[in-house]
């Protein structure tokens, strides 16, 4: 990395560390979102997994709409429940993956250990 200060007096390393700290995700926040808003995929949206977040939201909407209207919404709600149970155990890995990718991006594709070691 570059330790030369920019025109604001902040080194590139410090800027990268500040960007990492502001963009990193928390396992605790992800679990809170999973607990309270997991059925709508909030934890996945938080972790930048928009596609799967939309899929969870769609399963929830379809499941409840069909349960109330036609009585077979469980065909959507049961898989959603299984998916939520799987996420219970995979959230730490998703957070770690997000933070590692962020660090790699901020170090120019280099080793994410450079940013992580700066803590």
N, C-alpha and C. Protein backbone atom coordinates (compact mmCIF):
# COMPACT_ATOMS: atom_id res chain seq x y z
N UNK A 1 0.84 -1.18 0.00
CA UNK A 1 0.00 0.00 0.00
C UNK A 1 0.88 1.24 0.00
N UNK A 2 0.27 2.38 -0.06
CA UNK A 2 0.96 3.64 -0.17
C UNK A 2 0.81 4.42 1.12
N UNK A 3 1.93 4.80 1.72
CA UNK A 3 1.87 5.57 2.96
C UNK A 3 1.98 7.07 2.73
N UNK A 4 2.06 7.52 1.47
CA UNK A 4 2.15 8.95 1.19
C UNK A 4 0.82 9.62 1.50
N UNK A 5 0.87 10.76 2.18
CA UNK A 5 -0.39 11.46 2.44
C UNK A 5 -0.94 12.08 1.17
N UNK A 6 -2.26 12.16 1.07
CA UNK A 6 -2.88 12.82 -0.07
C UNK A 6 -3.01 14.30 0.26
N UNK A 7 -3.76 15.02 -0.56
CA UNK A 7 -3.88 16.47 -0.34
C UNK A 7 -4.64 16.80 0.95
N UNK A 8 -5.27 15.82 1.58
CA UNK A 8 -5.97 16.05 2.83
C UNK A 8 -5.15 15.59 4.03
N UNK A 9 -3.95 15.11 3.80
CA UNK A 9 -3.08 14.69 4.88
C UNK A 9 -3.35 13.29 5.40
N UNK A 10 -4.15 12.50 4.68
CA UNK A 10 -4.48 11.14 5.10
C UNK A 10 -3.81 10.16 4.14
N UNK A 11 -3.07 9.20 4.68
CA UNK A 11 -2.39 8.23 3.82
C UNK A 11 -3.40 7.29 3.16
N UNK A 12 -2.98 6.68 2.07
CA UNK A 12 -3.84 5.74 1.36
C UNK A 12 -4.19 4.55 2.24
N UNK A 13 -3.25 4.13 3.09
CA UNK A 13 -3.53 3.03 4.02
C UNK A 13 -4.64 3.40 4.99
N UNK A 14 -4.57 4.62 5.50
CA UNK A 14 -5.58 5.09 6.44
C UNK A 14 -6.94 5.20 5.76
N UNK A 15 -6.93 5.71 4.52
CA UNK A 15 -8.18 5.80 3.76
C UNK A 15 -8.79 4.43 3.53
N UNK A 16 -7.95 3.45 3.18
CA UNK A 16 -8.44 2.09 2.94
C UNK A 16 -9.01 1.50 4.22
N UNK A 17 -8.32 1.72 5.34
CA UNK A 17 -8.79 1.19 6.62
C UNK A 17 -10.11 1.85 7.01
N UNK A 18 -10.23 3.15 6.78
CA UNK A 18 -11.48 3.85 7.09
C UNK A 18 -12.62 3.34 6.21
N UNK A 19 -12.34 3.10 4.93
CA UNK A 19 -13.36 2.58 4.02
C UNK A 19 -13.77 1.18 4.44
N UNK A 20 -12.80 0.37 4.88
CA UNK A 20 -13.12 -0.99 5.33
C UNK A 20 -14.00 -0.94 6.57
N UNK A 21 -13.63 -0.11 7.53
CA UNK A 21 -14.40 -0.02 8.77
C UNK A 21 -15.83 0.45 8.52
N UNK A 22 -16.00 1.35 7.56
CA UNK A 22 -17.36 1.86 7.30
C UNK A 22 -18.18 0.89 6.45
N UNK A 23 -17.53 0.02 5.69
CA UNK A 23 -18.26 -0.90 4.82
C UNK A 23 -18.40 -2.32 5.32
N UNK A 24 -17.66 -2.66 6.39
CA UNK A 24 -17.72 -4.05 6.86
C UNK A 24 -19.07 -4.34 7.50
N UNK A 25 -19.44 -5.60 7.50
CA UNK A 25 -20.72 -6.03 8.06
C UNK A 25 -20.50 -6.76 9.37
N UNK A 26 -21.53 -6.73 10.22
CA UNK A 26 -21.47 -7.32 11.55
C UNK A 26 -22.31 -8.59 11.61
N UNK A 27 -21.76 -9.63 12.21
CA UNK A 27 -22.50 -10.87 12.41
C UNK A 27 -23.70 -10.64 13.33
N UNK A 28 -23.52 -9.83 14.35
CA UNK A 28 -24.61 -9.55 15.28
C UNK A 28 -25.79 -8.87 14.60
N UNK A 29 -25.51 -7.88 13.76
CA UNK A 29 -26.58 -7.20 13.04
C UNK A 29 -27.27 -8.17 12.08
N UNK A 30 -26.48 -9.00 11.41
CA UNK A 30 -27.06 -9.98 10.48
C UNK A 30 -28.00 -10.93 11.23
N UNK A 31 -27.60 -11.39 12.40
CA UNK A 31 -28.47 -12.27 13.19
C UNK A 31 -29.72 -11.56 13.68
N UNK A 32 -29.59 -10.31 14.08
CA UNK A 32 -30.79 -9.56 14.50
C UNK A 32 -31.77 -9.41 13.34
N UNK A 33 -31.25 -9.12 12.17
CA UNK A 33 -32.12 -9.03 10.99
C UNK A 33 -32.74 -10.39 10.67
N UNK A 34 -31.97 -11.46 10.84
CA UNK A 34 -32.48 -12.81 10.60
C UNK A 34 -33.62 -13.13 11.57
N UNK A 35 -33.44 -12.76 12.84
CA UNK A 35 -34.45 -13.05 13.86
C UNK A 35 -35.74 -12.30 13.58
N UNK A 36 -35.63 -11.00 13.35
CA UNK A 36 -36.82 -10.17 13.26
C UNK A 36 -37.39 -10.03 11.85
N UNK A 37 -36.54 -10.10 10.83
CA UNK A 37 -37.01 -9.89 9.46
C UNK A 37 -36.47 -10.94 8.49
N UNK A 38 -36.11 -12.10 9.03
CA UNK A 38 -35.54 -13.16 8.19
C UNK A 38 -36.46 -13.62 7.08
N UNK A 39 -37.74 -13.69 7.36
CA UNK A 39 -38.69 -14.17 6.36
C UNK A 39 -38.75 -13.32 5.11
N UNK A 40 -38.36 -12.07 5.22
CA UNK A 40 -38.35 -11.21 4.04
C UNK A 40 -36.93 -11.01 3.50
N UNK A 41 -35.98 -11.78 4.02
CA UNK A 41 -34.62 -11.77 3.50
C UNK A 41 -33.78 -10.57 3.89
N UNK A 42 -34.15 -9.86 4.95
CA UNK A 42 -33.44 -8.65 5.33
C UNK A 42 -31.95 -8.89 5.59
N UNK A 43 -31.62 -10.02 6.21
CA UNK A 43 -30.22 -10.32 6.49
C UNK A 43 -29.43 -10.50 5.20
N UNK A 44 -30.07 -11.04 4.17
CA UNK A 44 -29.39 -11.21 2.89
C UNK A 44 -29.22 -9.89 2.15
N UNK A 45 -30.22 -9.01 2.24
CA UNK A 45 -30.07 -7.68 1.66
C UNK A 45 -28.92 -6.94 2.35
N UNK A 46 -28.86 -7.04 3.67
CA UNK A 46 -27.80 -6.39 4.45
C UNK A 46 -26.42 -6.86 4.01
N UNK A 47 -26.29 -8.13 3.70
CA UNK A 47 -25.00 -8.70 3.33
C UNK A 47 -24.71 -8.57 1.84
N UNK A 48 -25.54 -7.83 1.12
CA UNK A 48 -25.30 -7.59 -0.29
C UNK A 48 -25.72 -8.72 -1.20
N UNK A 49 -26.48 -9.66 -0.70
CA UNK A 49 -26.96 -10.79 -1.50
C UNK A 49 -28.40 -10.50 -1.93
N UNK A 50 -28.51 -9.52 -2.83
CA UNK A 50 -29.81 -9.00 -3.23
C UNK A 50 -30.67 -10.04 -3.93
N UNK A 51 -30.08 -10.82 -4.81
CA UNK A 51 -30.84 -11.82 -5.55
C UNK A 51 -31.53 -12.82 -4.64
N UNK A 52 -30.80 -13.37 -3.70
CA UNK A 52 -31.41 -14.34 -2.78
C UNK A 52 -32.34 -13.65 -1.79
N UNK A 53 -32.08 -12.38 -1.49
CA UNK A 53 -33.00 -11.63 -0.64
C UNK A 53 -34.35 -11.45 -1.32
N UNK A 54 -34.31 -11.14 -2.61
CA UNK A 54 -35.55 -11.00 -3.39
C UNK A 54 -36.27 -12.34 -3.47
N UNK A 55 -35.51 -13.43 -3.63
CA UNK A 55 -36.13 -14.76 -3.69
C UNK A 55 -36.84 -15.09 -2.37
N UNK A 56 -36.23 -14.77 -1.24
CA UNK A 56 -36.87 -15.01 0.06
C UNK A 56 -38.12 -14.16 0.22
N UNK A 57 -38.03 -12.91 -0.19
CA UNK A 57 -39.19 -12.02 -0.12
C UNK A 57 -40.33 -12.55 -0.99
N UNK A 58 -40.00 -13.04 -2.18
CA UNK A 58 -41.02 -13.59 -3.08
C UNK A 58 -41.66 -14.84 -2.48
N UNK A 59 -40.85 -15.72 -1.89
CA UNK A 59 -41.40 -16.92 -1.26
C UNK A 59 -42.36 -16.55 -0.13
N UNK A 60 -42.00 -15.54 0.65
CA UNK A 60 -42.85 -15.10 1.75
C UNK A 60 -44.18 -14.55 1.23
N UNK A 61 -44.10 -13.67 0.25
CA UNK A 61 -45.32 -13.05 -0.28
C UNK A 61 -46.22 -14.10 -0.94
N UNK A 62 -45.62 -14.94 -1.79
CA UNK A 62 -46.41 -16.00 -2.44
C UNK A 62 -46.98 -16.97 -1.43
N UNK A 63 -46.16 -17.36 -0.46
CA UNK A 63 -46.61 -18.33 0.54
C UNK A 63 -47.80 -17.83 1.33
N UNK A 64 -47.71 -16.62 1.84
CA UNK A 64 -48.82 -16.09 2.64
C UNK A 64 -50.04 -15.79 1.78
N UNK A 65 -49.84 -15.27 0.59
CA UNK A 65 -50.98 -14.97 -0.30
C UNK A 65 -51.73 -16.24 -0.67
N UNK A 66 -50.98 -17.29 -1.02
CA UNK A 66 -51.62 -18.54 -1.42
C UNK A 66 -52.18 -19.31 -0.23
N UNK A 67 -51.59 -19.12 0.93
CA UNK A 67 -52.13 -19.77 2.13
C UNK A 67 -53.49 -19.18 2.48
N UNK A 68 -53.58 -17.87 2.39
CA UNK A 68 -54.84 -17.20 2.72
C UNK A 68 -55.89 -17.38 1.62
N UNK A 69 -55.47 -17.39 0.36
CA UNK A 69 -56.43 -17.44 -0.75
C UNK A 69 -56.81 -18.86 -1.14
N UNK A 70 -55.82 -19.74 -1.24
CA UNK A 70 -56.10 -21.06 -1.78
C UNK A 70 -55.75 -22.20 -0.84
N UNK A 71 -55.05 -21.90 0.24
CA UNK A 71 -54.75 -22.93 1.22
C UNK A 71 -53.52 -23.76 0.95
N UNK A 72 -52.77 -23.48 -0.12
CA UNK A 72 -51.58 -24.29 -0.37
C UNK A 72 -50.29 -23.46 -0.37
N UNK A 73 -50.29 -22.42 0.43
CA UNK A 73 -49.11 -21.57 0.56
C UNK A 73 -47.95 -22.24 1.28
N UNK A 74 -48.23 -23.34 1.97
CA UNK A 74 -47.15 -24.06 2.65
C UNK A 74 -46.13 -24.60 1.67
N UNK A 75 -46.52 -24.76 0.42
CA UNK A 75 -45.57 -25.21 -0.60
C UNK A 75 -44.44 -24.18 -0.77
N UNK A 76 -44.69 -22.95 -0.40
CA UNK A 76 -43.66 -21.91 -0.46
C UNK A 76 -43.07 -21.61 0.91
N UNK A 77 -43.87 -21.71 1.95
CA UNK A 77 -43.42 -21.35 3.29
C UNK A 77 -42.51 -22.41 3.92
N UNK A 78 -42.74 -23.67 3.62
CA UNK A 78 -41.88 -24.73 4.17
C UNK A 78 -40.45 -24.62 3.63
N UNK A 79 -40.27 -24.50 2.30
CA UNK A 79 -38.89 -24.31 1.81
C UNK A 79 -38.24 -23.04 2.37
N UNK A 80 -39.03 -21.99 2.54
CA UNK A 80 -38.50 -20.76 3.13
C UNK A 80 -38.01 -21.04 4.56
N UNK A 81 -38.78 -21.78 5.33
CA UNK A 81 -38.37 -22.13 6.70
C UNK A 81 -37.09 -22.93 6.73
N UNK A 82 -36.95 -23.87 5.80
CA UNK A 82 -35.72 -24.66 5.72
C UNK A 82 -34.54 -23.76 5.35
N UNK A 83 -34.77 -22.86 4.40
CA UNK A 83 -33.73 -21.92 3.98
C UNK A 83 -33.30 -21.05 5.15
N UNK A 84 -34.26 -20.59 5.94
CA UNK A 84 -33.93 -19.77 7.12
C UNK A 84 -33.13 -20.57 8.14
N UNK A 85 -33.46 -21.84 8.30
CA UNK A 85 -32.71 -22.69 9.22
C UNK A 85 -31.28 -22.87 8.74
N UNK A 86 -31.09 -23.05 7.45
CA UNK A 86 -29.74 -23.17 6.89
C UNK A 86 -28.97 -21.86 7.12
N UNK A 87 -29.64 -20.73 6.89
CA UNK A 87 -28.98 -19.44 7.10
C UNK A 87 -28.54 -19.23 8.54
N UNK A 88 -29.24 -19.82 9.48
CA UNK A 88 -28.86 -19.73 10.89
C UNK A 88 -27.40 -20.14 11.07
N UNK A 89 -26.97 -21.15 10.33
CA UNK A 89 -25.61 -21.67 10.46
C UNK A 89 -24.63 -21.07 9.48
N UNK A 90 -25.12 -20.44 8.40
CA UNK A 90 -24.21 -19.92 7.37
C UNK A 90 -23.98 -18.41 7.45
N UNK A 91 -24.69 -17.71 8.32
CA UNK A 91 -24.51 -16.26 8.42
C UNK A 91 -23.06 -15.88 8.75
N UNK A 92 -22.39 -16.52 9.70
CA UNK A 92 -21.00 -16.11 9.96
C UNK A 92 -20.10 -16.21 8.73
N UNK A 93 -20.28 -17.25 7.94
CA UNK A 93 -19.49 -17.39 6.71
C UNK A 93 -19.84 -16.34 5.68
N UNK A 94 -21.12 -15.97 5.59
CA UNK A 94 -21.52 -14.93 4.65
C UNK A 94 -20.92 -13.59 5.05
N UNK A 95 -20.91 -13.29 6.34
CA UNK A 95 -20.31 -12.04 6.83
C UNK A 95 -18.82 -12.04 6.55
N UNK A 96 -18.16 -13.14 6.87
CA UNK A 96 -16.72 -13.26 6.64
C UNK A 96 -16.39 -13.09 5.16
N UNK A 97 -17.20 -13.71 4.30
CA UNK A 97 -16.99 -13.60 2.86
C UNK A 97 -17.15 -12.15 2.39
N UNK A 98 -18.19 -11.48 2.86
CA UNK A 98 -18.40 -10.08 2.48
C UNK A 98 -17.22 -9.21 2.90
N UNK A 99 -16.78 -9.37 4.14
CA UNK A 99 -15.70 -8.55 4.66
C UNK A 99 -14.38 -8.85 3.96
N UNK A 100 -14.14 -10.11 3.62
CA UNK A 100 -12.92 -10.47 2.89
C UNK A 100 -12.92 -9.88 1.50
N UNK A 101 -14.06 -9.94 0.82
CA UNK A 101 -14.17 -9.36 -0.53
C UNK A 101 -13.98 -7.85 -0.47
N UNK A 102 -14.53 -7.21 0.54
CA UNK A 102 -14.38 -5.76 0.70
C UNK A 102 -12.91 -5.41 0.91
N UNK A 103 -12.23 -6.16 1.76
CA UNK A 103 -10.81 -5.89 2.00
C UNK A 103 -10.00 -6.09 0.74
N UNK A 104 -10.29 -7.14 -0.02
CA UNK A 104 -9.56 -7.39 -1.27
C UNK A 104 -9.80 -6.25 -2.26
N UNK A 105 -11.02 -5.77 -2.34
CA UNK A 105 -11.35 -4.67 -3.24
C UNK A 105 -10.60 -3.41 -2.85
N UNK A 106 -10.52 -3.14 -1.57
CA UNK A 106 -9.86 -1.92 -1.09
C UNK A 106 -8.35 -1.98 -1.21
N UNK A 107 -7.79 -3.18 -1.26
CA UNK A 107 -6.34 -3.31 -1.40
C UNK A 107 -5.96 -3.51 -2.85
N UNK A 108 -6.89 -3.27 -3.76
CA UNK A 108 -6.59 -3.38 -5.19
C UNK A 108 -6.47 -4.81 -5.65
N UNK A 109 -7.21 -5.70 -5.03
CA UNK A 109 -7.14 -7.11 -5.42
C UNK A 109 -6.04 -7.87 -4.75
N UNK A 110 -5.28 -7.16 -3.92
CA UNK A 110 -4.19 -7.81 -3.20
C UNK A 110 -4.72 -8.63 -2.05
N UNK A 111 -3.84 -8.98 -1.18
CA UNK A 111 -4.21 -9.79 -0.03
C UNK A 111 -5.08 -9.00 0.94
N UNK A 112 -6.24 -9.56 1.31
CA UNK A 112 -7.08 -8.88 2.30
C UNK A 112 -6.42 -8.85 3.68
N UNK A 113 -5.34 -9.61 3.86
CA UNK A 113 -4.66 -9.61 5.15
C UNK A 113 -3.99 -8.28 5.43
N UNK A 114 -3.68 -7.53 4.38
CA UNK A 114 -3.04 -6.24 4.57
C UNK A 114 -3.96 -5.31 5.36
N UNK A 115 -5.22 -5.25 4.96
CA UNK A 115 -6.17 -4.40 5.67
C UNK A 115 -6.51 -5.00 7.01
N UNK A 116 -6.75 -6.31 7.07
CA UNK A 116 -7.14 -6.97 8.31
C UNK A 116 -6.03 -6.86 9.36
N UNK A 117 -4.77 -6.91 8.93
CA UNK A 117 -3.66 -6.84 9.88
C UNK A 117 -3.50 -5.44 10.46
N UNK A 118 -4.09 -4.45 9.82
CA UNK A 118 -3.98 -3.08 10.30
C UNK A 118 -4.84 -2.81 11.53
N UNK A 119 -5.71 -3.74 11.91
CA UNK A 119 -6.59 -3.51 13.07
C UNK A 119 -5.79 -3.45 14.33
